[in-house]
Amino acid sequence: MFFLNNRLAAKCLLLILTIMVSSPRILGGASVNKESAPSSIEAALPAPVLMLFRWPDEEILNSKKAVEHNAPIIIAPGKQSWTWIRRVLSDSWLPPTNARMHFINKEFDDRDVTHVAWLHGDYRVEVSQTASIFTIRFISQGPNSLGRDSVQRFEMARHLCRHIFKREGRLWSQDSQGAGQAVVVTELNEKIAGYSFDVAKMKVLSHDKVVIGRARSMKDEGLDPSGAPEVPSGSVRPNEDSRAGWNYWFRNVNWWNDGRAVGFYFLKVDGPGTWVPSFVGEIDKNWFHGPRDRLGRPISRQPK
């Protein structure tokens, strides 16, 4: 966890995050959403997110792009990926200890990707991550659908949200010496359901009838996105419903439900000063290789 050193940097970071959250067309780089009113999930989701929801076939998993699980270059990305899974999912939904994580080098758009899948009850659970994006898909394995119409699909996705996400999270405050202190957020799963499930924000895509929704934005909450950012101090407890809350992944969870599967996706941001990926998605490239600075950004190597 890193903290911003000055208010100007904090404001720039907040503005970038606000733009990303308020527009579903911008997330980790390029987008396929060219339509003002997309009619299919292919047009509605940002391009990197759409690719992450497509589980790689055996040809990819067994190709030269697949990195061995004991290779030194994937130790850090592997640890980060497992940390995020434990941060996001309720303990009862965590993968079994023998679940295998796949590491695919430059899977698409030069982005390095991790994948892990497991069975839980009537669901196949698939988690895919880049350095900056987290996606999780729940595919029904039983005879029952996840909703036959838009109302049922909304309710089923919200019901699943309340079960799969962590019951507790945390925010960070910063004292005068710059040391971070954790502040517990209770009933996190219920709060995510409130932030991300608003009937007014739900859309039914006209072509494939997929139901999609996004998290409530600062504007939705009556906050001015261009206002001065809050810099929590040790004397002020940060609040997830204040401006500081948008520095955390759980305020920014988007979702979709096509009747057979439910997907959730968000940026991997978890506190003030967390590195937010650039629009060109450079942070996702070379995730498995090369040095990085203290904010997680790749350091380019100049030839000698």
Protein backbone atom coordinates (compact mmCIF):
# COMPACT_ATOMS: atom_id res chain seq x y z
CA MET A 1 0.00 0.00 0.00
CA PHE A 2 1.33 3.37 -1.00
CA PHE A 3 0.10 6.84 -0.13
CA LEU A 4 0.09 10.01 -2.20
CA ASN A 5 2.68 12.59 -1.26
CA ASN A 6 0.73 15.75 -2.05
CA ARG A 7 -2.76 17.04 -2.70
CA LEU A 8 -2.09 17.74 -6.39
CA ALA A 9 -1.16 14.13 -7.06
CA ALA A 10 -4.20 13.02 -5.07
CA LYS A 11 -6.49 15.18 -7.17
CA CYS A 12 -5.05 13.86 -10.44
CA LEU A 13 -5.47 10.28 -9.27
CA LEU A 14 -9.04 10.91 -8.17
CA LEU A 15 -9.98 12.50 -11.48
CA ILE A 16 -8.57 9.54 -13.43
CA LEU A 17 -10.44 7.06 -11.25
CA THR A 18 -13.65 9.07 -11.47
CA ILE A 19 -13.55 9.09 -15.26
CA MET A 20 -12.92 5.35 -15.36
CA VAL A 21 -15.73 4.59 -12.94
CA SER A 22 -18.28 6.96 -14.44
CA SER A 23 -17.81 5.61 -17.97
CA PRO A 24 -18.14 1.85 -18.53
CA ARG A 25 -16.35 2.30 -21.85
CA ILE A 26 -12.97 3.05 -20.23
CA LEU A 27 -11.27 0.37 -18.17
CA GLY A 28 -7.63 -0.55 -18.46
CA GLY A 29 -7.25 0.76 -22.00
CA ALA A 30 -8.91 0.16 -25.37
CA SER A 31 -12.63 -0.41 -25.68
CA VAL A 32 -14.99 -2.09 -28.11
CA ASN A 33 -17.89 0.01 -26.90
CA LYS A 34 -18.27 2.40 -29.81
CA GLU A 35 -22.04 2.69 -29.52
CA SER A 36 -23.90 5.22 -27.38
CA ALA A 37 -26.55 2.55 -26.81
CA PRO A 38 -24.86 -0.86 -27.16
CA SER A 39 -27.15 -3.73 -28.13
CA SER A 40 -24.91 -6.68 -27.16
CA ILE A 41 -22.49 -7.58 -24.41
CA GLU A 42 -19.65 -7.51 -26.95
CA ALA A 43 -20.37 -3.83 -27.53
CA ALA A 44 -21.16 -2.98 -23.91
CA LEU A 45 -18.03 -4.27 -22.15
CA PRO A 46 -14.58 -2.67 -22.34
CA ALA A 47 -12.36 -4.70 -24.68
CA PRO A 48 -9.90 -6.00 -22.02
CA VAL A 49 -12.78 -7.05 -19.76
CA LEU A 50 -14.53 -8.87 -22.59
CA MET A 51 -11.34 -10.80 -23.34
CA LEU A 52 -10.86 -11.73 -19.67
CA PHE A 53 -14.36 -13.22 -19.54
CA ARG A 54 -13.41 -15.58 -22.38
CA TRP A 55 -11.79 -18.59 -20.74
CA PRO A 56 -8.72 -19.66 -22.78
CA ASP A 57 -9.05 -22.91 -24.71
CA GLU A 58 -6.70 -25.87 -24.34
CA GLU A 59 -4.60 -24.68 -27.25
CA ILE A 60 -3.75 -21.48 -25.38
CA LEU A 61 -3.31 -23.22 -22.01
CA ASN A 62 -0.84 -25.64 -23.57
CA SER A 63 0.91 -23.17 -25.86
CA LYS A 64 4.29 -21.51 -25.52
CA LYS A 65 2.50 -18.55 -23.93
CA ALA A 66 1.72 -20.64 -20.85
CA VAL A 67 4.28 -20.08 -18.08
CA GLU A 68 5.18 -22.88 -15.68
CA HIS A 69 3.75 -22.38 -12.18
CA ASN A 70 7.23 -22.55 -10.62
CA ALA A 71 8.86 -20.03 -12.96
CA PRO A 72 10.49 -17.13 -11.04
CA ILE A 73 8.87 -14.49 -13.26
CA ILE A 74 5.36 -15.30 -12.04
CA ILE A 75 6.04 -15.46 -8.29
CA ALA A 76 5.01 -11.83 -7.66
CA PRO A 77 2.00 -11.83 -10.06
CA GLY A 78 0.86 -15.13 -8.55
CA LYS A 79 1.00 -13.76 -5.02
CA GLN A 80 -0.87 -10.63 -6.06
CA SER A 81 -3.55 -12.66 -7.83
CA TRP A 82 -4.16 -14.93 -4.82
CA THR A 83 -4.17 -11.89 -2.50
CA TRP A 84 -6.91 -10.28 -4.56
CA ILE A 85 -8.99 -13.47 -4.61
CA ARG A 86 -8.83 -13.63 -0.80
CA ARG A 87 -9.56 -9.90 -0.55
CA VAL A 88 -12.66 -10.11 -2.74
CA LEU A 89 -14.33 -13.48 -2.10
CA SER A 90 -16.16 -14.70 0.96
CA ASP A 91 -14.24 -17.46 2.73
CA SER A 92 -16.93 -20.00 1.83
CA TRP A 93 -16.41 -19.28 -1.89
CA LEU A 94 -12.62 -19.47 -1.98
CA PRO A 95 -11.06 -22.02 -4.35
CA PRO A 96 -9.80 -25.33 -2.96
CA THR A 97 -6.16 -25.46 -1.94
CA ASN A 98 -5.31 -27.63 -4.94
CA ALA A 99 -6.79 -25.21 -7.50
CA ARG A 100 -4.27 -24.56 -10.26
CA MET A 101 -3.60 -21.04 -11.46
CA HIS A 102 -2.69 -20.60 -15.12
CA PHE A 103 -0.24 -17.91 -16.22
CA ILE A 104 -0.51 -16.79 -19.85
CA ASN A 105 2.21 -14.50 -21.15
CA LYS A 106 0.92 -11.74 -23.47
CA GLU A 107 -2.43 -13.46 -23.88
CA PHE A 108 -4.00 -10.51 -25.72
CA ASP A 109 -2.91 -6.96 -26.48
CA ASP A 110 0.47 -7.87 -24.91
CA ARG A 111 -1.28 -8.22 -21.54
CA ASP A 112 -0.12 -10.92 -19.12
CA VAL A 113 -3.07 -12.77 -17.53
CA THR A 114 -3.70 -15.19 -14.65
CA HIS A 115 -6.63 -17.61 -14.61
CA VAL A 116 -8.02 -19.99 -12.01
CA ALA A 117 -11.29 -21.96 -12.05
CA TRP A 118 -13.07 -24.29 -9.65
CA LEU A 119 -16.48 -25.79 -8.92
CA HIS A 120 -18.68 -24.54 -6.09
CA GLY A 121 -22.09 -26.14 -5.71
CA ASP A 122 -23.99 -25.59 -8.95
CA TYR A 123 -21.44 -23.11 -10.30
CA ARG A 124 -18.19 -23.15 -12.18
CA VAL A 125 -16.26 -20.13 -10.90
CA GLU A 126 -13.68 -18.47 -13.16
CA VAL A 127 -11.36 -15.67 -11.99
CA SER A 128 -9.15 -13.89 -14.52
CA GLN A 129 -6.81 -11.00 -13.74
CA THR A 130 -4.34 -8.64 -15.31
CA ALA A 131 -2.17 -6.34 -13.21
CA SER A 132 -5.04 -3.84 -13.14
CA ILE A 133 -8.34 -5.66 -13.79
CA PHE A 134 -10.23 -8.34 -11.83
CA THR A 135 -13.03 -10.37 -13.42
CA ILE A 136 -15.05 -13.21 -11.94
CA ARG A 137 -17.69 -15.27 -13.71
CA PHE A 138 -20.20 -17.73 -12.21
CA ILE A 139 -21.52 -20.23 -14.74
CA SER A 140 -24.57 -22.28 -13.80
CA GLN A 141 -23.86 -26.02 -14.01
CA GLY A 142 -27.36 -27.14 -13.05
CA PRO A 143 -30.68 -27.15 -14.91
CA ASN A 144 -31.87 -23.88 -13.38
CA SER A 145 -31.28 -20.61 -15.21
CA LEU A 146 -30.03 -17.43 -13.60
CA GLY A 147 -33.17 -15.53 -14.60
CA ARG A 148 -35.55 -15.75 -17.55
CA ASP A 149 -36.32 -12.04 -17.80
CA SER A 150 -34.62 -8.78 -16.83
CA VAL A 151 -36.20 -8.59 -13.37
CA GLN A 152 -35.17 -12.15 -12.48
CA ARG A 153 -31.66 -11.61 -13.84
CA PHE A 154 -31.24 -8.44 -11.81
CA GLU A 155 -32.41 -10.18 -8.64
CA MET A 156 -30.31 -13.31 -9.24
CA ALA A 157 -27.15 -11.27 -9.83
CA ARG A 158 -27.80 -9.21 -6.70
CA HIS A 159 -28.50 -12.37 -4.69
CA LEU A 160 -25.19 -13.86 -5.86
CA CYS A 161 -23.39 -10.62 -5.04
CA ARG A 162 -24.58 -10.79 -1.45
CA HIS A 163 -23.21 -14.31 -1.09
CA ILE A 164 -19.86 -14.26 -2.87
CA PHE A 165 -18.24 -11.03 -1.68
CA LYS A 166 -16.38 -10.56 1.60
CA ARG A 167 -18.36 -9.66 4.72
CA GLU A 168 -15.63 -7.25 5.84
CA GLY A 169 -13.26 -4.89 4.07
CA ARG A 170 -11.10 -2.02 5.17
CA LEU A 171 -10.22 1.56 4.39
CA TRP A 172 -6.94 3.26 5.18
CA SER A 173 -6.31 6.40 7.17
CA GLN A 174 -2.95 8.18 7.19
CA ASP A 175 -1.36 9.80 10.21
CA SER A 176 0.98 12.79 10.19
CA GLN A 177 4.00 10.49 9.72
CA GLY A 178 2.44 8.84 6.66
CA ALA A 179 1.78 5.49 8.33
CA GLY A 180 -1.43 3.76 7.28
CA GLN A 181 -4.04 2.49 9.70
CA ALA A 182 -6.84 0.12 8.73
CA VAL A 183 -10.47 1.00 9.38
CA VAL A 184 -12.85 -1.97 9.18
CA VAL A 185 -15.83 -1.79 6.81
CA THR A 186 -18.60 -4.11 8.01
CA GLU A 187 -21.32 -5.76 5.90
CA LEU A 188 -19.19 -5.17 2.80
CA ASN A 189 -21.20 -7.63 0.67
CA GLU A 190 -24.45 -5.80 1.41
CA LYS A 191 -22.84 -2.46 0.70
CA ILE A 192 -21.55 -3.65 -2.68
CA ALA A 193 -25.10 -4.79 -3.49
CA GLY A 194 -26.25 -1.27 -2.66
CA TYR A 195 -23.50 0.49 -4.61
CA SER A 196 -23.77 -1.64 -7.76
CA PHE A 197 -27.40 -2.73 -7.98
CA ASP A 198 -29.67 0.16 -8.86
CA VAL A 199 -32.68 -0.60 -11.06
CA ALA A 200 -32.32 2.86 -12.58
CA LYS A 201 -28.79 1.97 -13.73
CA MET A 202 -29.76 -1.47 -15.08
CA LYS A 203 -29.86 -1.89 -18.86
CA VAL A 204 -31.27 -4.67 -21.01
CA LEU A 205 -29.26 -5.01 -24.21
CA SER A 206 -31.67 -5.17 -27.12
CA HIS A 207 -29.88 -7.78 -29.22
CA ASP A 208 -28.82 -10.51 -26.78
CA LYS A 209 -31.05 -9.50 -23.81
CA VAL A 210 -28.10 -9.50 -21.42
CA VAL A 211 -28.77 -7.42 -18.31
CA ILE A 212 -25.90 -5.14 -17.26
CA GLY A 213 -25.37 -2.74 -14.37
CA ARG A 214 -22.68 -0.49 -13.01
CA ALA A 215 -21.70 0.99 -9.70
CA ARG A 216 -23.17 4.29 -8.62
CA SER A 217 -20.87 7.19 -9.46
CA MET A 218 -19.90 10.23 -7.40
CA LYS A 219 -22.43 12.24 -9.39
CA ASP A 220 -25.11 9.68 -8.55
CA GLU A 221 -24.25 10.15 -4.86
CA GLY A 222 -24.45 13.95 -5.09
CA LEU A 223 -20.67 14.50 -4.94
CA ASP A 224 -18.80 16.82 -7.29
CA PRO A 225 -16.19 14.69 -9.10
CA SER A 226 -14.10 17.80 -9.79
CA GLY A 227 -14.02 18.85 -6.13
CA ALA A 228 -10.93 18.78 -3.95
CA PRO A 229 -10.01 15.23 -2.92
CA GLU A 230 -10.10 14.11 0.65
CA VAL A 231 -6.80 13.10 2.19
CA PRO A 232 -7.74 11.06 5.29
CA SER A 233 -5.66 11.68 8.39
CA GLY A 234 -5.32 9.76 11.61
CA SER A 235 -7.76 12.15 13.27
CA VAL A 236 -10.46 11.62 10.63
CA ARG A 237 -11.87 8.15 10.06
CA PRO A 238 -12.28 7.54 6.32
CA ASN A 239 -15.80 6.67 5.25
CA GLU A 240 -16.69 4.42 2.33
CA ASP A 241 -19.62 6.72 1.49
CA SER A 242 -17.42 9.79 1.28
CA ARG A 243 -15.23 10.84 -1.64
CA ALA A 244 -12.42 8.66 -0.25
CA GLY A 245 -14.51 5.56 -0.93
CA TRP A 246 -13.86 5.73 -4.68
CA ASN A 247 -10.21 4.83 -4.02
CA TYR A 248 -11.40 1.26 -3.35
CA TRP A 249 -12.48 -1.57 -5.61
CA PHE A 250 -15.74 -2.28 -3.78
CA ARG A 251 -17.23 1.09 -4.73
CA ASN A 252 -16.68 0.31 -8.40
CA VAL A 253 -18.04 -3.20 -9.08
CA ASN A 254 -19.83 -3.60 -12.43
CA TRP A 255 -21.84 -6.68 -13.43
CA TRP A 256 -23.81 -8.54 -16.12
CA ASN A 257 -26.15 -11.54 -16.30
CA ASP A 258 -27.05 -13.39 -19.51
CA GLY A 259 -29.27 -16.01 -17.84
CA ARG A 260 -26.59 -18.69 -17.81
CA ALA A 261 -23.71 -16.83 -16.19
CA VAL A 262 -23.15 -13.78 -13.99
CA GLY A 263 -19.99 -11.70 -14.26
CA PHE A 264 -18.46 -9.04 -12.02
CA TYR A 265 -15.50 -6.80 -12.90
CA PHE A 266 -13.60 -3.85 -11.47
CA LEU A 267 -10.24 -2.11 -11.29
CA LYS A 268 -7.79 -3.46 -8.71
CA VAL A 269 -7.57 -0.27 -6.64
CA ASP A 270 -7.45 -0.56 -2.88
CA GLY A 271 -6.60 2.68 -1.15
CA PRO A 272 -5.36 6.26 -1.55
CA GLY A 273 -2.20 6.31 -3.62
CA THR A 274 -2.83 2.94 -5.26
CA TRP A 275 -1.55 3.02 -8.81
CA VAL A 276 -4.39 3.45 -11.29
CA PRO A 277 -3.54 2.04 -14.75
CA SER A 278 -3.13 4.43 -17.62
CA PHE A 279 -5.59 4.53 -20.49
CA VAL A 280 -3.15 2.62 -22.72
CA GLY A 281 -2.99 -0.24 -20.22
CA GLU A 282 0.80 -0.21 -19.86
CA ILE A 283 0.61 -1.62 -16.34
CA ASP A 284 -0.88 -4.86 -17.74
CA LYS A 285 1.97 -5.36 -20.18
CA ASN A 286 5.10 -7.15 -19.04
CA TRP A 287 3.42 -8.02 -15.72
CA PHE A 288 5.35 -11.28 -15.63
CA HIS A 289 8.68 -9.71 -16.55
CA GLY A 290 10.90 -6.75 -15.87
CA PRO A 291 11.47 -4.35 -12.99
CA ARG A 292 8.80 -2.03 -11.63
CA ASP A 293 8.90 1.15 -9.62
CA ARG A 294 7.36 1.56 -6.16
CA LEU A 295 3.92 2.30 -7.69
CA GLY A 296 3.95 -0.90 -9.73
CA ARG A 297 4.65 0.77 -13.09
CA PRO A 298 6.98 -1.00 -15.54
CA ILE A 299 10.47 0.49 -15.78
CA SER A 300 11.65 0.46 -19.36
CA ARG A 301 15.12 -0.85 -19.95
CA GLN A 302 17.21 1.20 -22.35
CA PRO A 303 19.74 -0.73 -24.43
CA LYS A 304 23.35 -0.06 -23.46
